[in-house]
C-alpha atoms as a PDB file:
ATOM      1  CA  MET A   1      15.511   9.461  24.121  1.00  0.00           C
ATOM      2  CA  VAL A   2      14.872  10.195  20.436  1.00  0.00           C
ATOM      3  CA  GLU A   3      15.423   7.261  18.086  1.00  0.00           C
ATOM      4  CA  ILE A   4      17.458   8.291  15.027  1.00  0.00           C
ATOM      5  CA  LYS A   5      16.895   6.100  11.974  1.00  0.00           C
ATOM      6  CA  THR A   6      19.257   4.989   9.252  1.00  0.00           C
ATOM      7  CA  PRO A   7      18.309   5.466   5.579  1.00  0.00           C
ATOM      8  CA  GLU A   8      17.552   1.731   5.385  1.00  0.00           C
ATOM      9  CA  GLN A   9      15.178   1.964   8.345  1.00  0.00           C
ATOM     10  CA  ILE A  10      13.461   5.004   6.840  1.00  0.00           C
ATOM     11  CA  ALA A  11      12.935   2.983   3.651  1.00  0.00           C
ATOM     12  CA  LYS A  12      11.104   0.323   5.690  1.00  0.00           C
ATOM     13  CA  MET A  13       9.001   3.029   7.342  1.00  0.00           C
ATOM     14  CA  ARG A  14       8.172   4.295   3.860  1.00  0.00           C
ATOM     15  CA  GLU A  15       6.870   0.829   2.981  1.00  0.00           C
ATOM     16  CA  ALA A  16       4.657   0.885   6.063  1.00  0.00           C
ATOM     17  CA  GLY A  17       3.554   4.427   5.246  1.00  0.00           C
ATOM     18  CA  LEU A  18       2.396   3.454   1.772  1.00  0.00           C
ATOM     19  CA  VAL A  19       0.305   0.648   3.252  1.00  0.00           C
ATOM     20  CA  VAL A  20      -1.316   3.217   5.552  1.00  0.00           C
ATOM     21  CA  ALA A  21      -2.090   5.405   2.521  1.00  0.00           C
ATOM     22  CA  ARG A  22      -3.826   2.454   0.859  1.00  0.00           C
ATOM     23  CA  VAL A  23      -5.812   1.790   4.032  1.00  0.00           C
ATOM     24  CA  HIS A  24      -7.057   5.360   3.924  1.00  0.00           C
ATOM     25  CA  GLU A  25      -8.056   5.039   0.277  1.00  0.00           C
ATOM     26  CA  ALA A  26     -10.144   1.956   1.088  1.00  0.00           C
ATOM     27  CA  CYS A  27     -11.701   3.458   4.218  1.00  0.00           C
ATOM     28  CA  ARG A  28     -12.559   6.746   2.523  1.00  0.00           C
ATOM     29  CA  ALA A  29     -14.363   4.786  -0.207  1.00  0.00           C
ATOM     30  CA  ALA A  30     -16.227   2.766   2.446  1.00  0.00           C
ATOM     31  CA  ALA A  31     -17.318   5.849   4.441  1.00  0.00           C
ATOM     32  CA  VAL A  32     -20.749   6.240   2.870  1.00  0.00           C
ATOM     33  CA  PRO A  33     -24.178   6.854   4.426  1.00  0.00           C
ATOM     34  CA  GLY A  34     -25.495   3.616   5.903  1.00  0.00           C
ATOM     35  CA  ALA A  35     -22.081   2.048   6.481  1.00  0.00           C
ATOM     36  CA  THR A  36     -21.014   1.197  10.004  1.00  0.00           C
ATOM     37  CA  THR A  37     -17.642   2.083  11.441  1.00  0.00           C
ATOM     38  CA  LYS A  38     -17.056  -1.682  11.651  1.00  0.00           C
ATOM     39  CA  ASP A  39     -17.333  -1.765   7.854  1.00  0.00           C
ATOM     40  CA  LEU A  40     -14.396   0.654   7.684  1.00  0.00           C
ATOM     41  CA  ASP A  41     -12.420  -1.478  10.109  1.00  0.00           C
ATOM     42  CA  ASP A  42     -13.068  -4.534   7.938  1.00  0.00           C
ATOM     43  CA  ALA A  43     -11.818  -2.641   4.866  1.00  0.00           C
ATOM     44  CA  ALA A  44      -8.632  -1.690   6.726  1.00  0.00           C
ATOM     45  CA  ARG A  45      -8.026  -5.276   7.850  1.00  0.00           C
ATOM     46  CA  GLN A  46      -8.305  -6.471   4.260  1.00  0.00           C
ATOM     47  CA  VAL A  47      -5.733  -3.966   2.981  1.00  0.00           C
ATOM     48  CA  LEU A  48      -3.280  -4.883   5.714  1.00  0.00           C
ATOM     49  CA  SER A  49      -3.726  -8.572   4.936  1.00  0.00           C
ATOM     50  CA  ASP A  50      -3.308  -8.000   1.193  1.00  0.00           C
ATOM     51  CA  HIS A  51       0.040  -6.260   1.773  1.00  0.00           C
ATOM     52  CA  GLY A  52       1.411  -8.608   4.430  1.00  0.00           C
ATOM     53  CA  ALA A  53       1.409  -5.838   7.048  1.00  0.00           C
ATOM     54  CA  LYS A  54       0.293  -5.880  10.662  1.00  0.00           C
ATOM     55  CA  SER A  55      -1.927  -3.442  12.503  1.00  0.00           C
ATOM     56  CA  ASN A  56      -0.164  -1.373  15.141  1.00  0.00           C
ATOM     57  CA  PHE A  57      -3.512  -0.339  16.642  1.00  0.00           C
ATOM     58  CA  LEU A  58      -5.061  -3.750  17.278  1.00  0.00           C
ATOM     59  CA  GLY A  59      -4.180  -4.776  20.828  1.00  0.00           C
ATOM     60  CA  TYR A  60      -2.241  -1.578  21.573  1.00  0.00           C
ATOM     61  CA  GLY A  61      -2.965  -0.959  25.254  1.00  0.00           C
ATOM     62  CA  GLY A  62      -5.934  -3.266  24.795  1.00  0.00           C
ATOM     63  CA  PHE A  63      -7.439  -1.356  21.855  1.00  0.00           C
ATOM     64  CA  PRO A  64      -9.912  -3.771  20.219  1.00  0.00           C
ATOM     65  CA  ALA A  65      -9.856  -2.682  16.564  1.00  0.00           C
ATOM     66  CA  THR A  66      -7.608  -2.133  13.546  1.00  0.00           C
ATOM     67  CA  ILE A  67      -8.266   1.601  13.112  1.00  0.00           C
ATOM     68  CA  CYS A  68      -9.776   4.475  15.072  1.00  0.00           C
ATOM     69  CA  THR A  69     -13.034   5.907  13.715  1.00  0.00           C
ATOM     70  CA  SER A  70     -13.958   9.210  15.374  1.00  0.00           C
ATOM     71  CA  VAL A  71     -17.279  10.711  14.248  1.00  0.00           C
ATOM     72  CA  ASN A  72     -18.310  14.376  14.573  1.00  0.00           C
ATOM     73  CA  ASP A  73     -17.615  15.485  18.179  1.00  0.00           C
ATOM     74  CA  VAL A  74     -15.319  12.496  18.810  1.00  0.00           C
ATOM     75  CA  VAL A  75     -11.801  13.864  18.482  1.00  0.00           C
ATOM     76  CA  VAL A  76      -9.712  10.674  18.524  1.00  0.00           C
ATOM     77  CA  HIS A  77      -9.656   7.005  19.529  1.00  0.00           C
ATOM     78  CA  GLY A  78     -13.222   6.155  18.506  1.00  0.00           C
ATOM     79  CA  ILE A  79     -13.725   2.370  18.473  1.00  0.00           C
ATOM     80  CA  PRO A  80     -15.291   0.877  15.316  1.00  0.00           C
ATOM     81  CA  ASP A  81     -18.481  -1.101  15.951  1.00  0.00           C
ATOM     82  CA  THR A  82     -21.686  -2.252  14.280  1.00  0.00           C
ATOM     83  CA  ARG A  83     -23.842   0.239  16.205  1.00  0.00           C
ATOM     84  CA  THR A  84     -22.334   3.446  14.800  1.00  0.00           C
ATOM     85  CA  VAL A  85     -24.028   3.982  11.429  1.00  0.00           C
ATOM     86  CA  LEU A  86     -22.661   6.822   9.307  1.00  0.00           C
ATOM     87  CA  ARG A  87     -25.150   9.433   8.156  1.00  0.00           C
ATOM     88  CA  ASP A  88     -25.133  11.964   5.365  1.00  0.00           C
ATOM     89  CA  GLY A  89     -23.439  15.084   6.740  1.00  0.00           C
ATOM     90  CA  ASP A  90     -21.184  13.309   9.226  1.00  0.00           C
ATOM     91  CA  ILE A  91     -17.446  13.850   9.335  1.00  0.00           C
ATOM     92  CA  ILE A  92     -15.110  11.119  10.483  1.00  0.00           C
ATOM     93  CA  SER A  93     -11.459  10.940  11.457  1.00  0.00           C
ATOM     94  CA  ILE A  94      -9.926   7.694  10.223  1.00  0.00           C
ATOM     95  CA  ASP A  95      -6.669   7.039  12.075  1.00  0.00           C
ATOM     96  CA  ALA A  96      -4.712   4.057  10.774  1.00  0.00           C
ATOM     97  CA  GLY A  97      -1.327   2.437  11.104  1.00  0.00           C
ATOM     98  CA  ALA A  98       0.759  -0.427   9.779  1.00  0.00           C
ATOM     99  CA  ILE A  99       3.880  -2.377  10.690  1.00  0.00           C
ATOM    100  CA  VAL A 100       6.267  -3.702   8.029  1.00  0.00           C
ATOM    101  CA  GLU A 101       9.212  -5.772   9.276  1.00  0.00           C
ATOM    102  CA  GLY A 102       9.044  -4.092  12.672  1.00  0.00           C
ATOM    103  CA  TRP A 103       8.804  -0.494  11.391  1.00  0.00           C
ATOM    104  CA  HIS A 104       5.719   1.644  11.843  1.00  0.00           C
ATOM    105  CA  GLY A 105       3.572   4.045   9.855  1.00  0.00           C
ATOM    106  CA  ASP A 106       0.732   6.151  11.287  1.00  0.00           C
ATOM    107  CA  ALA A 107      -1.580   8.718   9.677  1.00  0.00           C
ATOM    108  CA  ALA A 108      -5.102  10.128   9.904  1.00  0.00           C
ATOM    109  CA  ILE A 109      -7.546  11.825   7.562  1.00  0.00           C
ATOM    110  CA  THR A 110     -10.847  13.610   8.023  1.00  0.00           C
ATOM    111  CA  ALA A 111     -13.433  12.240   5.582  1.00  0.00           C
ATOM    112  CA  PHE A 112     -16.858  13.616   4.664  1.00  0.00           C
ATOM    113  CA  VAL A 113     -19.826  11.241   4.607  1.00  0.00           C
ATOM    114  CA  GLY A 114     -22.275  11.999   1.824  1.00  0.00           C
ATOM    115  CA  GLU A 115     -22.945  15.535   0.625  1.00  0.00           C
ATOM    116  CA  GLY A 116     -24.751  17.377   3.435  1.00  0.00           C
ATOM    117  CA  HIS A 117     -21.894  19.489   4.769  1.00  0.00           C
ATOM    118  CA  GLY A 118     -21.848  23.232   5.241  1.00  0.00           C
ATOM    119  CA  PRO A 119     -18.847  25.377   4.354  1.00  0.00           C
ATOM    120  CA  GLU A 120     -17.822  25.675   8.007  1.00  0.00           C
ATOM    121  CA  LEU A 121     -17.045  21.961   8.254  1.00  0.00           C
ATOM    122  CA  HIS A 122     -15.047  22.007   5.042  1.00  0.00           C
ATOM    123  CA  GLU A 123     -13.119  24.996   6.362  1.00  0.00           C
ATOM    124  CA  LEU A 124     -12.499  23.223   9.683  1.00  0.00           C
ATOM    125  CA  SER A 125     -10.956  20.278   7.855  1.00  0.00           C
ATOM    126  CA  ARG A 126      -8.969  22.542   5.533  1.00  0.00           C
ATOM    127  CA  VAL A 127      -7.534  24.560   8.420  1.00  0.00           C
ATOM    128  CA  THR A 128      -6.563  21.389  10.295  1.00  0.00           C
ATOM    129  CA  GLU A 129      -4.947  19.775   7.254  1.00  0.00           C
ATOM    130  CA  GLU A 130      -3.095  22.927   6.228  1.00  0.00           C
ATOM    131  CA  SER A 131      -1.791  23.416   9.763  1.00  0.00           C
ATOM    132  CA  MET A 132      -0.372  19.899   9.563  1.00  0.00           C
ATOM    133  CA  TRP A 133       1.421  20.802   6.329  1.00  0.00           C
ATOM    134  CA  ALA A 134       2.748  23.981   7.927  1.00  0.00           C
ATOM    135  CA  GLY A 135       4.220  21.777  10.647  1.00  0.00           C
ATOM    136  CA  ILE A 136       5.677  19.380   8.080  1.00  0.00           C
ATOM    137  CA  ALA A 137       7.338  22.284   6.258  1.00  0.00           C
ATOM    138  CA  ALA A 138       9.107  23.152   9.531  1.00  0.00           C
ATOM    139  CA  VAL A 139      10.813  19.741   9.623  1.00  0.00           C
ATOM    140  CA  LYS A 140      14.257  20.927   8.556  1.00  0.00           C
ATOM    141  CA  GLN A 141      17.797  20.647   9.829  1.00  0.00           C
ATOM    142  CA  GLY A 142      18.636  23.228  12.493  1.00  0.00           C
ATOM    143  CA  ASN A 143      15.056  23.645  13.674  1.00  0.00           C
ATOM    144  CA  ARG A 144      13.844  22.292  16.981  1.00  0.00           C
ATOM    145  CA  LEU A 145      10.665  20.481  17.966  1.00  0.00           C
ATOM    146  CA  VAL A 146       9.014  23.701  19.118  1.00  0.00           C
ATOM    147  CA  ASP A 147       9.331  25.129  15.593  1.00  0.00           C
ATOM    148  CA  ILE A 148       6.892  22.471  14.392  1.00  0.00           C
ATOM    149  CA  SER A 149       4.473  23.348  17.213  1.00  0.00           C
ATOM    150  CA  ARG A 150       4.796  27.039  16.429  1.00  0.00           C
ATOM    151  CA  ALA A 151       4.108  26.531  12.733  1.00  0.00           C
ATOM    152  CA  ILE A 152       0.944  24.530  13.463  1.00  0.00           C
ATOM    153  CA  GLU A 153      -0.423  26.970  16.024  1.00  0.00           C
ATOM    154  CA  SER A 154       0.488  30.062  14.021  1.00  0.00           C
ATOM    155  CA  TYR A 155      -1.311  28.782  10.945  1.00  0.00           C
ATOM    156  CA  ILE A 156      -4.511  28.057  12.892  1.00  0.00           C
ATOM    157  CA  ARG A 157      -4.453  31.388  14.741  1.00  0.00           C
ATOM    158  CA  ARG A 158      -4.132  33.298  11.453  1.00  0.00           C
ATOM    159  CA  GLN A 159      -7.354  31.889  10.029  1.00  0.00           C
ATOM    160  CA  PRO A 160     -10.642  33.805  10.110  1.00  0.00           C
ATOM    161  CA  ARG A 161     -12.699  32.727  13.063  1.00  0.00           C
ATOM    162  CA  PRO A 162     -15.714  30.473  12.494  1.00  0.00           C
ATOM    163  CA  SER A 163     -19.207  31.479  13.578  1.00  0.00           C
ATOM    164  CA  THR A 164     -18.638  29.564  16.827  1.00  0.00           C
ATOM    165  CA  GLY A 165     -16.061  32.182  17.804  1.00  0.00           C
ATOM    166  CA  LYS A 166     -12.710  30.431  17.474  1.00  0.00           C
ATOM    167  CA  TYR A 167     -10.938  27.217  16.627  1.00  0.00           C
ATOM    168  CA  GLY A 168      -9.998  25.068  19.606  1.00  0.00           C
ATOM    169  CA  ILE A 169      -6.558  23.469  19.404  1.00  0.00           C
ATOM    170  CA  VAL A 170      -6.982  20.265  21.402  1.00  0.00           C
ATOM    171  CA  GLU A 171      -4.594  20.404  24.348  1.00  0.00           C
ATOM    172  CA  ASP A 172      -4.356  16.891  25.783  1.00  0.00           C
ATOM    173  CA  TYR A 173      -3.267  15.033  22.646  1.00  0.00           C
ATOM    174  CA  GLY A 174      -0.621  15.640  20.005  1.00  0.00           C
ATOM    175  CA  GLY A 175       2.003  14.166  17.743  1.00  0.00           C
ATOM    176  CA  HIS A 176       4.785  11.777  18.642  1.00  0.00           C
ATOM    177  CA  GLY A 177       7.984  10.142  17.576  1.00  0.00           C
ATOM    178  CA  ILE A 178       7.586   7.022  15.482  1.00  0.00           C
ATOM    179  CA  GLY A 179       9.850   4.241  14.240  1.00  0.00           C
ATOM    180  CA  SER A 180      10.447   0.874  15.880  1.00  0.00           C
ATOM    181  CA  GLN A 181       7.349   1.670  17.955  1.00  0.00           C
ATOM    182  CA  MET A 182       4.197   3.573  17.073  1.00  0.00           C
ATOM    183  CA  HIS A 183       4.461   6.038  19.958  1.00  0.00           C
ATOM    184  CA  MET A 184       7.917   7.194  21.018  1.00  0.00           C
ATOM    185  CA  ASP A 185       9.655  10.303  22.269  1.00  0.00           C
ATOM    186  CA  PRO A 186       9.303  13.154  21.674  1.00  0.00           C
ATOM    187  CA  HIS A 187       5.720  14.252  22.344  1.00  0.00           C
ATOM    188  CA  LEU A 188       4.710  17.029  19.953  1.00  0.00           C
ATOM    189  CA  LEU A 189       2.304  19.723  21.105  1.00  0.00           C
ATOM    190  CA  ASN A 190       0.169  21.471  18.509  1.00  0.00           C
ATOM    191  CA  TYR A 191       0.782  24.786  20.255  1.00  0.00           C
ATOM    192  CA  VAL A 192       3.707  26.449  21.982  1.00  0.00           C
ATOM    193  CA  ASP A 193       4.073  25.871  25.711  1.00  0.00           C
ATOM    194  CA  ARG A 194       7.058  27.934  26.831  1.00  0.00           C
ATOM    195  CA  ARG A 195       7.376  25.880  30.006  1.00  0.00           C
ATOM    196  CA  ARG A 196       8.452  22.854  27.947  1.00  0.00           C
ATOM    197  CA  GLY A 197      11.439  24.531  26.333  1.00  0.00           C
ATOM    198  CA  ARG A 198      12.473  24.199  22.710  1.00  0.00           C
ATOM    199  CA  GLY A 199      12.739  20.424  22.537  1.00  0.00           C
ATOM    200  CA  PRO A 200      15.285  18.350  20.625  1.00  0.00           C
ATOM    201  CA  LYS A 201      17.101  19.588  17.543  1.00  0.00           C
ATOM    202  CA  LEU A 202      15.916  18.148  14.239  1.00  0.00           C
ATOM    203  CA  VAL A 203      18.655  16.098  12.569  1.00  0.00           C
ATOM    204  CA  PRO A 204      18.681  13.574   9.715  1.00  0.00           C
ATOM    205  CA  GLY A 205      17.057  10.345  10.875  1.00  0.00           C
ATOM    206  CA  PHE A 206      14.530  12.176  13.066  1.00  0.00           C
ATOM    207  CA  CYS A 207      10.992  10.826  12.474  1.00  0.00           C
ATOM    208  CA  ILE A 208       7.812  12.380  13.822  1.00  0.00           C
ATOM    209  CA  ALA A 209       4.049  11.896  13.464  1.00  0.00           C
ATOM    210  CA  ILE A 210       2.478  15.342  13.114  1.00  0.00           C
ATOM    211  CA  GLU A 211      -1.240  15.358  13.970  1.00  0.00           C
ATOM    212  CA  PRO A 212      -3.201  18.503  14.763  1.00  0.00           C
ATOM    213  CA  MET A 213      -6.691  18.091  16.222  1.00  0.00           C
ATOM    214  CA  VAL A 214      -8.924  21.153  15.952  1.00  0.00           C
ATOM    215  CA  SER A 215     -12.503  21.748  17.071  1.00  0.00           C
ATOM    216  CA  LEU A 216     -15.142  24.357  16.298  1.00  0.00           C
ATOM    217  CA  GLY A 217     -15.227  25.265  19.985  1.00  0.00           C
ATOM    218  CA  THR A 218     -13.394  24.256  23.116  1.00  0.00           C
ATOM    219  CA  PRO A 219      -9.916  22.726  23.197  1.00  0.00           C
ATOM    220  CA  ARG A 220     -10.970  20.690  26.229  1.00  0.00           C
ATOM    221  CA  THR A 221     -11.933  17.036  26.022  1.00  0.00           C
ATOM    222  CA  HIS A 222     -13.014  14.079  28.130  1.00  0.00           C
ATOM    223  CA  VAL A 223     -12.703  10.297  27.789  1.00  0.00           C
ATOM    224  CA  LEU A 224     -15.797   8.089  27.772  1.00  0.00           C
ATOM    225  CA  GLU A 225     -16.320   5.029  29.959  1.00  0.00           C
ATOM    226  CA  ASP A 226     -14.716   2.739  27.374  1.00  0.00           C
ATOM    227  CA  ASP A 227     -11.399   4.400  28.359  1.00  0.00           C
ATOM    228  CA  TRP A 228     -10.645   5.242  24.706  1.00  0.00           C
ATOM    229  CA  THR A 229     -13.202   7.496  23.016  1.00  0.00           C
ATOM    230  CA  VAL A 230     -12.249  11.184  23.370  1.00  0.00           C
ATOM    231  CA  LYS A 231     -14.988  13.807  22.918  1.00  0.00           C
ATOM    232  CA  THR A 232     -15.018  17.591  23.066  1.00  0.00           C
ATOM    233  CA  ASP A 233     -16.451  18.930  26.313  1.00  0.00           C
ATOM    234  CA  ASP A 234     -18.910  21.234  24.549  1.00  0.00           C
ATOM    235  CA  GLY A 235     -19.993  18.814  21.812  1.00  0.00           C
ATOM    236  CA  SER A 236     -18.349  20.824  19.053  1.00  0.00           C
ATOM    237  CA  TRP A 237     -17.281  18.883  15.978  1.00  0.00           C
ATOM    238  CA  SER A 238     -13.611  18.363  15.308  1.00  0.00           C
ATOM    239  CA  SER A 239     -11.113  17.480  12.590  1.00  0.00           C
ATOM    240  CA  HIS A 240      -7.943  15.387  12.786  1.00  0.00           C
ATOM    241  CA  TRP A 241      -5.161  15.046  10.225  1.00  0.00           C
ATOM    242  CA  GLU A 242      -1.843  13.230  10.568  1.00  0.00           C
ATOM    243  CA  HIS A 243       1.226  12.243   8.567  1.00  0.00           C
ATOM    244  CA  SER A 244       4.421  10.463   9.583  1.00  0.00           C
ATOM    245  CA  VAL A 245       7.490  12.414   8.446  1.00  0.00           C
ATOM    246  CA  ALA A 246      11.196  11.570   8.253  1.00  0.00           C
ATOM    247  CA  LEU A 247      13.956  14.155   8.040  1.00  0.00           C
ATOM    248  CA  THR A 248      16.735  13.036   5.691  1.00  0.00           C
ATOM    249  CA  GLU A 249      19.950  14.667   4.510  1.00  0.00           C
ATOM    250  CA  GLU A 250      17.983  15.874   1.484  1.00  0.00           C
ATOM    251  CA  GLY A 251      14.955  17.239   3.312  1.00  0.00           C
ATOM    252  CA  PRO A 252      11.642  15.975   4.685  1.00  0.00           C
ATOM    253  CA  LEU A 253       9.970  12.832   3.368  1.00  0.00           C
ATOM    254  CA  VAL A 254       6.277  12.386   4.146  1.00  0.00           C
ATOM    255  CA  LEU A 255       6.243   8.659   4.727  1.00  0.00           C
ATOM    256  CA  THR A 256       2.459   8.235   4.624  1.00  0.00           C
ATOM    257  CA  ALA A 257       1.743  10.405   1.555  1.00  0.00           C
ATOM    258  CA  VAL A 258       1.583   8.599  -1.783  1.00  0.00           C
ATOM    259  CA  ASP A 259       3.935  11.120  -3.426  1.00  0.00           C
ATOM    260  CA  GLY A 260       6.119  11.516  -0.345  1.00  0.00           C
ATOM    261  CA  GLY A 261       4.692  15.011   0.153  1.00  0.00           C
ATOM    262  CA  ARG A 262       6.367  16.358  -2.985  1.00  0.00           C
ATOM    263  CA  ALA A 263       3.438  18.312  -4.446  1.00  0.00           C
ATOM    264  CA  LYS A 264       2.183  19.926  -1.251  1.00  0.00           C
ATOM    265  CA  LEU A 265       5.641  20.823   0.033  1.00  0.00           C
ATOM    266  CA  ALA A 266       6.469  22.412  -3.318  1.00  0.00           C
ATOM    267  CA  GLU A 267       3.497  24.756  -2.810  1.00  0.00           C
ATOM    268  CA  LEU A 268       5.122  25.787   0.468  1.00  0.00           C
ATOM    269  CA  GLY A 269       8.546  26.348  -1.092  1.00  0.00           C
ATOM    270  CA  VAL A 270      10.050  23.169   0.355  1.00  0.00           C
ATOM    271  CA  THR A 271      11.738  20.407  -1.649  1.00  0.00           C
ATOM    272  CA  ALA A 272      10.777  16.928  -0.493  1.00  0.00           C
ATOM    273  CA  ALA A 273      13.461  14.274  -0.183  1.00  0.00           C
ATOM    274  CA  PRO A 274      13.672  11.636  -2.911  1.00  0.00           C
ATOM    275  CA  ASP A 275      11.555   8.561  -2.336  1.00  0.00           C
ATOM    276  CA  PRO A 276      13.861   5.704  -1.236  1.00  0.00           C
ATOM    277  CA  LEU A 277      11.491   3.251  -2.941  1.00  0.00           C
ATOM    278  CA  GLY A 278      11.782   5.068  -6.274  1.00  0.00           C
END
């Protein structure tokens, strides 16, 4: 069952989304050489507290922290702690969420720690982020869920291959519906699986978290003994980007982007919906 939101509910999700954007600003600033991933979690907690929002990660299925911090070959669901010290040249996925009056926001960024990064890592992050935006641009009335998957996969497949041979589109994790819960139907693959059909039609009130995860090698992953941390099987580094998006009568609204996605969507020839918060 896909939950369709009213304009008033989307406005509340926009409030939550803006809190998530502020969490990312604080965590990106805190992601410096010598910081621990716990330091980033503390920064996120402070932002949530300052804005009267709740974490939708803390306690979810027993998850023990406010955000996920996934370093280098960790794809998703890394647990912040005092033992993981960030080093110059690391990359880190910071996945964060917020709840405002029962409505959820969820987004992720890939951040660079220090300055010691080669062009291949920057390109990995760029390809992952741009594939997310390709998926967002496919959120339009008349399309179906598979059109988002196709846009993400097609963008990645069109890119020049890295020296490792190819980009791996992580297979076991993907996007999801979002609204009165953080994870809802439908599940969104970042590639086309013809066995799953075309998926639901996109209509106003449809909200989806779009989150490609791409590695410099295998698409295959495994979960560590903590039952959360997901790593690539071959140790290749990965990137993760995510935005929560609502489809309105006037087009897509990127709930977790400060400008609602207006600037980036304009580059792609798409007009973003007006911001309900002005």
